[in-house]
Structures are given as C-alpha cells and as structure tokens.
Amino acid sequence: SDNTTFMTGAAITGSTGGTWVVGTAQNKMDTGTIAANTWYHVYQIERTDTGVVDILFSLQPVAGGTGSPTLPTSYDKQRRIGSFKTATATTNILAFTQRGDYGRWTAALRDENRTNPGSAAINVAATVPVGVNVRWFGAVTVTQDAAGGGVFYASDLAATDEAPTNAGVAPGAQLFTGAGLTSSIPLEISTNTSQQIRYRVSASAAGTVVNIYTYGWFDRRGQDN
C-alpha cells in the first residue's frame, strides 16, 4: 500500500474458519469470526524481515492507515487485492469471478424492486464491496402502467442530483413510454463507500415498477492512491 515493496506469493488457499495462521490451507481472519451477510476484504501481506508472503481476510477496507486490517505479528506490508461477501443466511461465500479489477457475480442479484417510486431521488445500496468506491455495473428495467411515459436517470451520488425531463434527457437517462411496456438498459455507475447509486424517474404512477440488477463491479483496489 505504500508502493515500496513487490510482494510475490505462491498459490495459496485460505479459510474463513478462524484467526490467521501462516501458510496455505490455514485460517486467514485477522480478528473475530466469520458472519453471514457481510463483506470482507482480502489482503496480500508480507513480513519483510523473512520475505514470507501470505493473505489475510478483514472487515477493514483500507490498506494502511485508519480503517486498515490487524496484521499478524511481524507482518509490515499490505495490499488490498479483492473482496468477497457471505450469503444472507449462512457464512458461505457468494459465488463470483474476479479477474484483475473485474468482479462478476455468478448469478445476477436484484437490489431494487420498487412500485411507484415517485419523482424524488432514491438511493440504492448495490451488492458491491463496502467501504471503497467501485464502478457498479448492471441493468435496469422499468415497467410503465397506463398513465404514460417518463424518463429514468441513474447517477453517482458525487454528482448533482438532476431531475430528468422528456424535453432534455441527461446522459444515462432512458425514455420509457406506452401502457404496460417494459424498457431495459445496461448501466455503469460509480458508487460511494456505502455501496450506493442514485436514480430518479420523471413520472411515476401506481403501476410503475423499477427493478435494478447487479451484475458486478470494477474495483481499482488502491491503484489510484
């Protein structure tokens, strides 16, 4: 995390079963026990006095400084390399694929299912790593009732909360028209550290339904720090 050390490790397997032990096929939690419905961050770590490289699982999202994991004794280097989440009711890890910065759920997850969302801004917590900014990607479907059409607009909470209009569709907005019709669009939006993205619709009635599905995320994993 301080860009001073190259950490090169052999292939390693880690367990969430308990407190950290050095070596492959060992427990890798920094503190506490694994919990259901919880995000954990994966770190590559090294003790530079011996050159031993290992991995560590932690609730903490920051490599170095405030909010960093509790390193094992004598380990002095760390780099966050990824994240995983446990299932809602069990401590099983939700299935996903990671290739570099790209993370993809094996099965898409629905994070919003709202009828008649109104026209005010709504924040949605997406199923992406918590405590860090990532680039969420997924899809939105909007089903409109007989009341007519409108515009859907999703945005980063770091941007101004803009109201979409039929006359001037902002970037990322999608027009949906016609009684009973469903529009679907893919989207990419940056999240805040609370996993949130924001959306608004310009018109909403009793039968308007918004669904937001999370496919995955892009996580720079500290490379821009």
C-alpha atoms as a PDB file:
ATOM      1  CA  SER A   1       0.000   0.000   0.000  1.00  0.00           C
ATOM      2  CA  ASP A   2       2.979   2.339   0.401  1.00  0.00           C
ATOM      3  CA  ASN A   3       4.371   1.400  -3.047  1.00  0.00           C
ATOM      4  CA  THR A   4       7.756   0.337  -1.695  1.00  0.00           C
ATOM      5  CA  THR A   5       7.676  -3.468  -1.899  1.00  0.00           C
ATOM      6  CA  PHE A   6       6.881  -6.053  -4.565  1.00  0.00           C
ATOM      7  CA  MET A   7       5.019  -8.926  -2.931  1.00  0.00           C
ATOM      8  CA  THR A   8       5.196 -12.178  -4.874  1.00  0.00           C
ATOM      9  CA  GLY A   9       3.443 -15.184  -3.382  1.00  0.00           C
ATOM     10  CA  ALA A  10       2.827 -18.773  -4.404  1.00  0.00           C
ATOM     11  CA  ALA A  11      -0.713 -20.074  -4.970  1.00  0.00           C
ATOM     12  CA  ILE A  12      -2.456 -20.195  -1.595  1.00  0.00           C
ATOM     13  CA  THR A  13      -5.749 -21.376  -0.113  1.00  0.00           C
ATOM     14  CA  GLY A  14      -7.264 -19.610   2.890  1.00  0.00           C
ATOM     15  CA  SER A  15     -10.145 -20.480   5.215  1.00  0.00           C
ATOM     16  CA  THR A  16     -12.640 -18.185   6.952  1.00  0.00           C
ATOM     17  CA  GLY A  17     -12.825 -20.676   9.828  1.00  0.00           C
ATOM     18  CA  GLY A  18     -10.811 -18.749  12.380  1.00  0.00           C
ATOM     19  CA  THR A  19      -7.941 -16.475  13.345  1.00  0.00           C
ATOM     20  CA  TRP A  20      -4.988 -16.154  10.970  1.00  0.00           C
ATOM     21  CA  VAL A  21      -2.324 -18.866  10.771  1.00  0.00           C
ATOM     22  CA  VAL A  22       0.651 -18.686   8.402  1.00  0.00           C
ATOM     23  CA  GLY A  23       0.720 -20.887   5.288  1.00  0.00           C
ATOM     24  CA  THR A  24      -1.681 -22.408   2.776  1.00  0.00           C
ATOM     25  CA  ALA A  25      -4.871 -24.261   3.815  1.00  0.00           C
ATOM     26  CA  GLN A  26      -4.967 -22.272   7.089  1.00  0.00           C
ATOM     27  CA  ASN A  27      -7.391 -19.827   8.691  1.00  0.00           C
ATOM     28  CA  LYS A  28      -6.960 -16.239   7.470  1.00  0.00           C
ATOM     29  CA  MET A  29      -9.263 -13.964   9.529  1.00  0.00           C
ATOM     30  CA  ASP A  30      -7.465 -11.020  11.099  1.00  0.00           C
ATOM     31  CA  THR A  31      -9.868 -10.795  14.058  1.00  0.00           C
ATOM     32  CA  GLY A  32     -13.242 -12.219  15.085  1.00  0.00           C
ATOM     33  CA  THR A  33     -15.308 -14.904  13.388  1.00  0.00           C
ATOM     34  CA  ILE A  34     -16.989 -15.012  10.009  1.00  0.00           C
ATOM     35  CA  ALA A  35     -20.552 -13.644   9.877  1.00  0.00           C
ATOM     36  CA  ALA A  36     -23.447 -14.025   7.451  1.00  0.00           C
ATOM     37  CA  ASN A  37     -24.426 -11.244   5.037  1.00  0.00           C
ATOM     38  CA  THR A  38     -21.107  -9.442   5.478  1.00  0.00           C
ATOM     39  CA  TRP A  39     -18.397  -8.070   3.187  1.00  0.00           C
ATOM     40  CA  TYR A  40     -14.749  -8.992   3.805  1.00  0.00           C
ATOM     41  CA  HIS A  41     -11.638  -7.615   2.146  1.00  0.00           C
ATOM     42  CA  VAL A  42      -8.715  -9.760   1.011  1.00  0.00           C
ATOM     43  CA  TYR A  43      -5.156  -8.567   1.568  1.00  0.00           C
ATOM     44  CA  GLN A  44      -1.817  -9.800   0.405  1.00  0.00           C
ATOM     45  CA  ILE A  45       0.646  -9.312   3.258  1.00  0.00           C
ATOM     46  CA  GLU A  46       4.389  -9.715   3.824  1.00  0.00           C
ATOM     47  CA  ARG A  47       6.874  -9.710   6.649  1.00  0.00           C
ATOM     48  CA  THR A  48       9.894  -8.094   5.103  1.00  0.00           C
ATOM     49  CA  ASP A  49      12.322  -9.499   7.678  1.00  0.00           C
ATOM     50  CA  THR A  50      11.827 -13.024   6.247  1.00  0.00           C
ATOM     51  CA  GLY A  51      10.170 -12.310   2.872  1.00  0.00           C
ATOM     52  CA  VAL A  52       7.193 -14.565   3.678  1.00  0.00           C
ATOM     53  CA  VAL A  53       4.068 -13.565   1.699  1.00  0.00           C
ATOM     54  CA  ASP A  54       0.559 -14.619   2.742  1.00  0.00           C
ATOM     55  CA  ILE A  55      -3.082 -13.491   2.616  1.00  0.00           C
ATOM     56  CA  LEU A  56      -5.470 -12.055   5.205  1.00  0.00           C
ATOM     57  CA  PHE A  57      -9.265 -11.539   5.412  1.00  0.00           C
ATOM     58  CA  SER A  58     -10.611  -8.458   7.187  1.00  0.00           C
ATOM     59  CA  LEU A  59     -13.685  -6.297   7.654  1.00  0.00           C
ATOM     60  CA  GLN A  60     -11.446  -3.271   7.176  1.00  0.00           C
ATOM     61  CA  PRO A  61     -11.402  -1.730   3.675  1.00  0.00           C
ATOM     62  CA  VAL A  62      -8.273   0.417   3.825  1.00  0.00           C
ATOM     63  CA  ALA A  63      -4.718  -0.809   3.217  1.00  0.00           C
ATOM     64  CA  GLY A  64      -2.636   1.208   5.652  1.00  0.00           C
ATOM     65  CA  GLY A  65      -3.745   3.997   7.965  1.00  0.00           C
ATOM     66  CA  THR A  66      -7.129   4.377   9.659  1.00  0.00           C
ATOM     67  CA  GLY A  67      -9.501   1.504   8.920  1.00  0.00           C
ATOM     68  CA  SER A  68      -6.750  -0.939   7.989  1.00  0.00           C
ATOM     69  CA  PRO A  69      -6.683  -4.653   8.940  1.00  0.00           C
ATOM     70  CA  THR A  70      -4.966  -6.026  12.007  1.00  0.00           C
ATOM     71  CA  LEU A  71      -1.753  -7.542  10.660  1.00  0.00           C
ATOM     72  CA  PRO A  72      -0.217 -10.662  12.220  1.00  0.00           C
ATOM     73  CA  THR A  73       2.867 -10.169  14.370  1.00  0.00           C
ATOM     74  CA  SER A  74       5.957  -9.115  12.339  1.00  0.00           C
ATOM     75  CA  TYR A  75       3.969  -8.520   9.118  1.00  0.00           C
ATOM     76  CA  ASP A  76       4.541  -4.969   7.942  1.00  0.00           C
ATOM     77  CA  LYS A  77       3.314  -4.742   4.322  1.00  0.00           C
ATOM     78  CA  GLN A  78      -0.210  -4.997   2.977  1.00  0.00           C
ATOM     79  CA  ARG A  79      -2.203  -4.514  -0.211  1.00  0.00           C
ATOM     80  CA  ARG A  80      -5.955  -4.983  -0.648  1.00  0.00           C
ATOM     81  CA  ILE A  81      -6.412  -7.269  -3.655  1.00  0.00           C
ATOM     82  CA  GLY A  82     -10.142  -8.006  -3.596  1.00  0.00           C
ATOM     83  CA  SER A  83     -13.334  -8.534  -1.622  1.00  0.00           C
ATOM     84  CA  PHE A  84     -15.973 -11.195  -1.041  1.00  0.00           C
ATOM     85  CA  LYS A  85     -19.405 -11.387   0.589  1.00  0.00           C
ATOM     86  CA  THR A  86     -21.091 -14.088   2.641  1.00  0.00           C
ATOM     87  CA  ALA A  87     -24.637 -15.241   1.941  1.00  0.00           C
ATOM     88  CA  THR A  88     -27.674 -13.675   3.616  1.00  0.00           C
ATOM     89  CA  ALA A  89     -28.396 -16.560   5.983  1.00  0.00           C
ATOM     90  CA  THR A  90     -25.114 -18.504   6.053  1.00  0.00           C
ATOM     91  CA  THR A  91     -21.373 -17.872   6.139  1.00  0.00           C
ATOM     92  CA  ASN A  92     -20.913 -19.428   2.699  1.00  0.00           C
ATOM     93  CA  ILE A  93     -19.141 -17.096   0.272  1.00  0.00           C
ATOM     94  CA  LEU A  94     -21.377 -15.920  -2.587  1.00  0.00           C
ATOM     95  CA  ALA A  95     -20.036 -17.296  -5.858  1.00  0.00           C
ATOM     96  CA  PHE A  96     -18.207 -14.784  -8.033  1.00  0.00           C
ATOM     97  CA  THR A  97     -15.363 -14.453 -10.519  1.00  0.00           C
ATOM     98  CA  GLN A  98     -12.523 -11.968 -10.220  1.00  0.00           C
ATOM     99  CA  ARG A  99     -10.061 -11.159 -12.984  1.00  0.00           C
ATOM    100  CA  GLY A 100      -7.898  -8.204 -12.011  1.00  0.00           C
ATOM    101  CA  ASP A 101     -10.171  -5.240 -11.295  1.00  0.00           C
ATOM    102  CA  TYR A 102     -13.243  -7.051 -12.671  1.00  0.00           C
ATOM    103  CA  GLY A 103     -15.665  -8.782 -10.301  1.00  0.00           C
ATOM    104  CA  ARG A 104     -18.763 -10.619 -11.575  1.00  0.00           C
ATOM    105  CA  TRP A 105     -21.438 -12.421  -9.604  1.00  0.00           C
ATOM    106  CA  THR A 106     -22.083 -15.930 -10.880  1.00  0.00           C
ATOM    107  CA  ALA A 107     -25.795 -15.062 -10.753  1.00  0.00           C
ATOM    108  CA  ALA A 108     -27.151 -11.521 -11.055  1.00  0.00           C
ATOM    109  CA  LEU A 109     -28.612 -10.055  -7.856  1.00  0.00           C
ATOM    110  CA  ARG A 110     -31.727  -7.868  -7.696  1.00  0.00           C
ATOM    111  CA  ASP A 111     -31.060  -4.867  -5.467  1.00  0.00           C
ATOM    112  CA  GLU A 112     -34.190  -2.817  -6.153  1.00  0.00           C
ATOM    113  CA  ASN A 113     -37.811  -3.792  -6.766  1.00  0.00           C
ATOM    114  CA  ARG A 114     -39.966  -0.744  -6.237  1.00  0.00           C
ATOM    115  CA  THR A 115     -43.529   0.048  -7.311  1.00  0.00           C
ATOM    116  CA  ASN A 116     -44.449   3.703  -7.886  1.00  0.00           C
ATOM    117  CA  PRO A 117     -41.062   5.234  -6.997  1.00  0.00           C
ATOM    118  CA  GLY A 118     -42.358   8.799  -7.329  1.00  0.00           C
ATOM    119  CA  SER A 119     -40.137  11.506  -8.813  1.00  0.00           C
ATOM    120  CA  ALA A 120     -37.728  12.236  -5.940  1.00  0.00           C
ATOM    121  CA  ALA A 121     -34.200  10.810  -5.835  1.00  0.00           C
ATOM    122  CA  ILE A 122     -33.816   7.293  -4.409  1.00  0.00           C
ATOM    123  CA  ASN A 123     -30.543   5.842  -3.152  1.00  0.00           C
ATOM    124  CA  VAL A 124     -29.990   2.126  -3.669  1.00  0.00           C
ATOM    125  CA  ALA A 125     -27.329   0.086  -1.884  1.00  0.00           C
ATOM    126  CA  ALA A 126     -25.947  -2.234  -4.547  1.00  0.00           C
ATOM    127  CA  THR A 127     -24.343  -5.586  -3.774  1.00  0.00           C
ATOM    128  CA  VAL A 128     -20.773  -4.419  -4.332  1.00  0.00           C
ATOM    129  CA  PRO A 129     -17.805  -4.077  -1.924  1.00  0.00           C
ATOM    130  CA  VAL A 130     -18.448  -1.765   1.020  1.00  0.00           C
ATOM    131  CA  GLY A 131     -16.041   0.874   2.298  1.00  0.00           C
ATOM    132  CA  VAL A 132     -14.493   1.602  -1.106  1.00  0.00           C
ATOM    133  CA  ASN A 133     -15.563   3.359  -4.298  1.00  0.00           C
ATOM    134  CA  VAL A 134     -16.162   0.912  -7.134  1.00  0.00           C
ATOM    135  CA  ARG A 135     -17.736   1.042 -10.582  1.00  0.00           C
ATOM    136  CA  TRP A 136     -21.062  -0.793 -10.365  1.00  0.00           C
ATOM    137  CA  PHE A 137     -22.441  -2.416 -13.492  1.00  0.00           C
ATOM    138  CA  GLY A 138     -25.813  -3.998 -14.025  1.00  0.00           C
ATOM    139  CA  ALA A 139     -29.180  -3.444 -15.666  1.00  0.00           C
ATOM    140  CA  VAL A 140     -32.387  -1.555 -15.002  1.00  0.00           C
ATOM    141  CA  THR A 141     -35.891  -2.476 -16.116  1.00  0.00           C
ATOM    142  CA  VAL A 142     -38.818  -0.078 -15.881  1.00  0.00           C
ATOM    143  CA  THR A 143     -42.397  -1.223 -16.448  1.00  0.00           C
ATOM    144  CA  GLN A 144     -44.873   1.563 -17.026  1.00  0.00           C
ATOM    145  CA  ASP A 145     -48.615   1.440 -16.401  1.00  0.00           C
ATOM    146  CA  ALA A 146     -51.379   3.016 -18.443  1.00  0.00           C
ATOM    147  CA  ALA A 147     -50.560   6.517 -17.194  1.00  0.00           C
ATOM    148  CA  GLY A 148     -47.997   7.134 -19.943  1.00  0.00           C
ATOM    149  CA  GLY A 149     -44.268   7.579 -20.264  1.00  0.00           C
ATOM    150  CA  GLY A 150     -41.368   9.061 -18.414  1.00  0.00           C
ATOM    151  CA  VAL A 151     -37.595   9.162 -18.121  1.00  0.00           C
ATOM    152  CA  PHE A 152     -35.337   7.077 -15.881  1.00  0.00           C
ATOM    153  CA  TYR A 153     -31.986   8.543 -14.813  1.00  0.00           C
ATOM    154  CA  ALA A 154     -29.237   6.951 -12.694  1.00  0.00           C
ATOM    155  CA  SER A 155     -26.280   8.882 -11.288  1.00  0.00           C
ATOM    156  CA  ASP A 156     -23.259   8.876  -9.000  1.00  0.00           C
ATOM    157  CA  LEU A 157     -24.000  10.435  -5.602  1.00  0.00           C
ATOM    158  CA  ALA A 158     -20.877  12.563  -6.087  1.00  0.00           C
ATOM    159  CA  ALA A 159     -22.702  14.307  -8.959  1.00  0.00           C
ATOM    160  CA  THR A 160     -25.516  16.824  -8.756  1.00  0.00           C
ATOM    161  CA  ASP A 161     -28.955  15.305  -8.201  1.00  0.00           C
ATOM    162  CA  GLU A 162     -30.530  16.196 -11.547  1.00  0.00           C
ATOM    163  CA  ALA A 163     -34.179  15.718 -12.424  1.00  0.00           C
ATOM    164  CA  PRO A 164     -34.676  14.062 -15.838  1.00  0.00           C
ATOM    165  CA  THR A 165     -37.186  15.536 -18.241  1.00  0.00           C
ATOM    166  CA  ASN A 166     -38.644  14.384 -21.538  1.00  0.00           C
ATOM    167  CA  ALA A 167     -37.503  17.608 -23.168  1.00  0.00           C
ATOM    168  CA  GLY A 168     -33.848  17.318 -22.152  1.00  0.00           C
ATOM    169  CA  VAL A 169     -32.714  13.799 -21.417  1.00  0.00           C
ATOM    170  CA  ALA A 170     -29.495  13.846 -19.398  1.00  0.00           C
ATOM    171  CA  PRO A 171     -26.724  11.337 -20.186  1.00  0.00           C
ATOM    172  CA  GLY A 172     -27.617   7.902 -18.917  1.00  0.00           C
ATOM    173  CA  ALA A 173     -31.356   8.516 -18.949  1.00  0.00           C
ATOM    174  CA  GLN A 174     -33.773   6.233 -20.756  1.00  0.00           C
ATOM    175  CA  LEU A 175     -37.206   7.148 -22.067  1.00  0.00           C
ATOM    176  CA  PHE A 176     -39.954   4.632 -21.307  1.00  0.00           C
ATOM    177  CA  THR A 177     -43.312   5.026 -22.996  1.00  0.00           C
ATOM    178  CA  GLY A 178     -46.546   3.191 -23.528  1.00  0.00           C
ATOM    179  CA  ALA A 179     -49.034   1.419 -21.323  1.00  0.00           C
ATOM    180  CA  GLY A 180     -47.712  -1.853 -19.940  1.00  0.00           C
ATOM    181  CA  LEU A 181     -44.376  -1.650 -21.764  1.00  0.00           C
ATOM    182  CA  THR A 182     -41.036  -2.544 -20.168  1.00  0.00           C
ATOM    183  CA  SER A 183     -37.762  -0.835 -21.032  1.00  0.00           C
ATOM    184  CA  SER A 184     -34.413  -2.341 -20.087  1.00  0.00           C
ATOM    185  CA  ILE A 185     -30.955  -0.737 -20.216  1.00  0.00           C
ATOM    186  CA  PRO A 186     -27.438  -1.712 -19.080  1.00  0.00           C
ATOM    187  CA  LEU A 187     -25.676   0.834 -16.883  1.00  0.00           C
ATOM    188  CA  GLU A 188     -22.347   1.578 -15.196  1.00  0.00           C
ATOM    189  CA  ILE A 189     -22.311   3.963 -12.215  1.00  0.00           C
ATOM    190  CA  SER A 190     -19.655   4.768  -9.618  1.00  0.00           C
ATOM    191  CA  THR A 191     -20.721   4.024  -6.032  1.00  0.00           C
ATOM    192  CA  ASN A 192     -19.968   5.843  -2.833  1.00  0.00           C
ATOM    193  CA  THR A 193     -18.283   3.987   0.030  1.00  0.00           C
ATOM    194  CA  SER A 194     -21.745   2.945   1.292  1.00  0.00           C
ATOM    195  CA  GLN A 195     -22.332   0.999  -1.975  1.00  0.00           C
ATOM    196  CA  GLN A 196     -24.968   3.470  -3.146  1.00  0.00           C
ATOM    197  CA  ILE A 197     -26.097   4.637  -6.558  1.00  0.00           C
ATOM    198  CA  ARG A 198     -28.955   7.079  -7.126  1.00  0.00           C
ATOM    199  CA  TYR A 199     -31.886   7.136  -9.527  1.00  0.00           C
ATOM    200  CA  ARG A 200     -34.911   9.231 -10.387  1.00  0.00           C
ATOM    201  CA  VAL A 201     -37.849   8.951 -12.736  1.00  0.00           C
ATOM    202  CA  SER A 202     -39.601  11.948 -14.236  1.00  0.00           C
ATOM    203  CA  ALA A 203     -43.060  10.422 -13.972  1.00  0.00           C
ATOM    204  CA  SER A 204     -44.415   7.654 -11.804  1.00  0.00           C
ATOM    205  CA  ALA A 205     -47.823   6.159 -11.207  1.00  0.00           C
ATOM    206  CA  ALA A 206     -49.306   3.289  -9.237  1.00  0.00           C
ATOM    207  CA  GLY A 207     -48.268   0.684 -11.798  1.00  0.00           C
ATOM    208  CA  THR A 208     -44.714   1.907 -12.475  1.00  0.00           C
ATOM    209  CA  VAL A 209     -42.164  -0.713 -11.363  1.00  0.00           C
ATOM    210  CA  VAL A 210     -38.375  -0.237 -11.212  1.00  0.00           C
ATOM    211  CA  ASN A 211     -36.027  -3.208 -10.925  1.00  0.00           C
ATOM    212  CA  ILE A 212     -32.246  -2.843 -10.606  1.00  0.00           C
ATOM    213  CA  TYR A 213     -29.999  -5.871 -11.056  1.00  0.00           C
ATOM    214  CA  THR A 214     -26.337  -6.007 -10.057  1.00  0.00           C
ATOM    215  CA  TYR A 215     -24.007  -7.996 -12.314  1.00  0.00           C
ATOM    216  CA  GLY A 216     -20.712  -6.986 -10.740  1.00  0.00           C
ATOM    217  CA  TRP A 217     -18.161  -4.245 -10.209  1.00  0.00           C
ATOM    218  CA  PHE A 218     -14.808  -2.802 -11.225  1.00  0.00           C
ATOM    219  CA  ASP A 219     -12.520  -2.189  -8.251  1.00  0.00           C
ATOM    220  CA  ARG A 220      -9.191  -0.370  -8.644  1.00  0.00           C
ATOM    221  CA  ARG A 221      -8.046  -1.834  -5.311  1.00  0.00           C
ATOM    222  CA  GLY A 222      -5.917   1.115  -4.263  1.00  0.00           C
ATOM    223  CA  GLN A 223      -4.059   1.527  -7.551  1.00  0.00           C
ATOM    224  CA  ASP A 224      -5.050   5.187  -7.776  1.00  0.00           C
ATOM    225  CA  ASN A 225      -3.970   6.081  -4.238  1.00  0.00           C
END
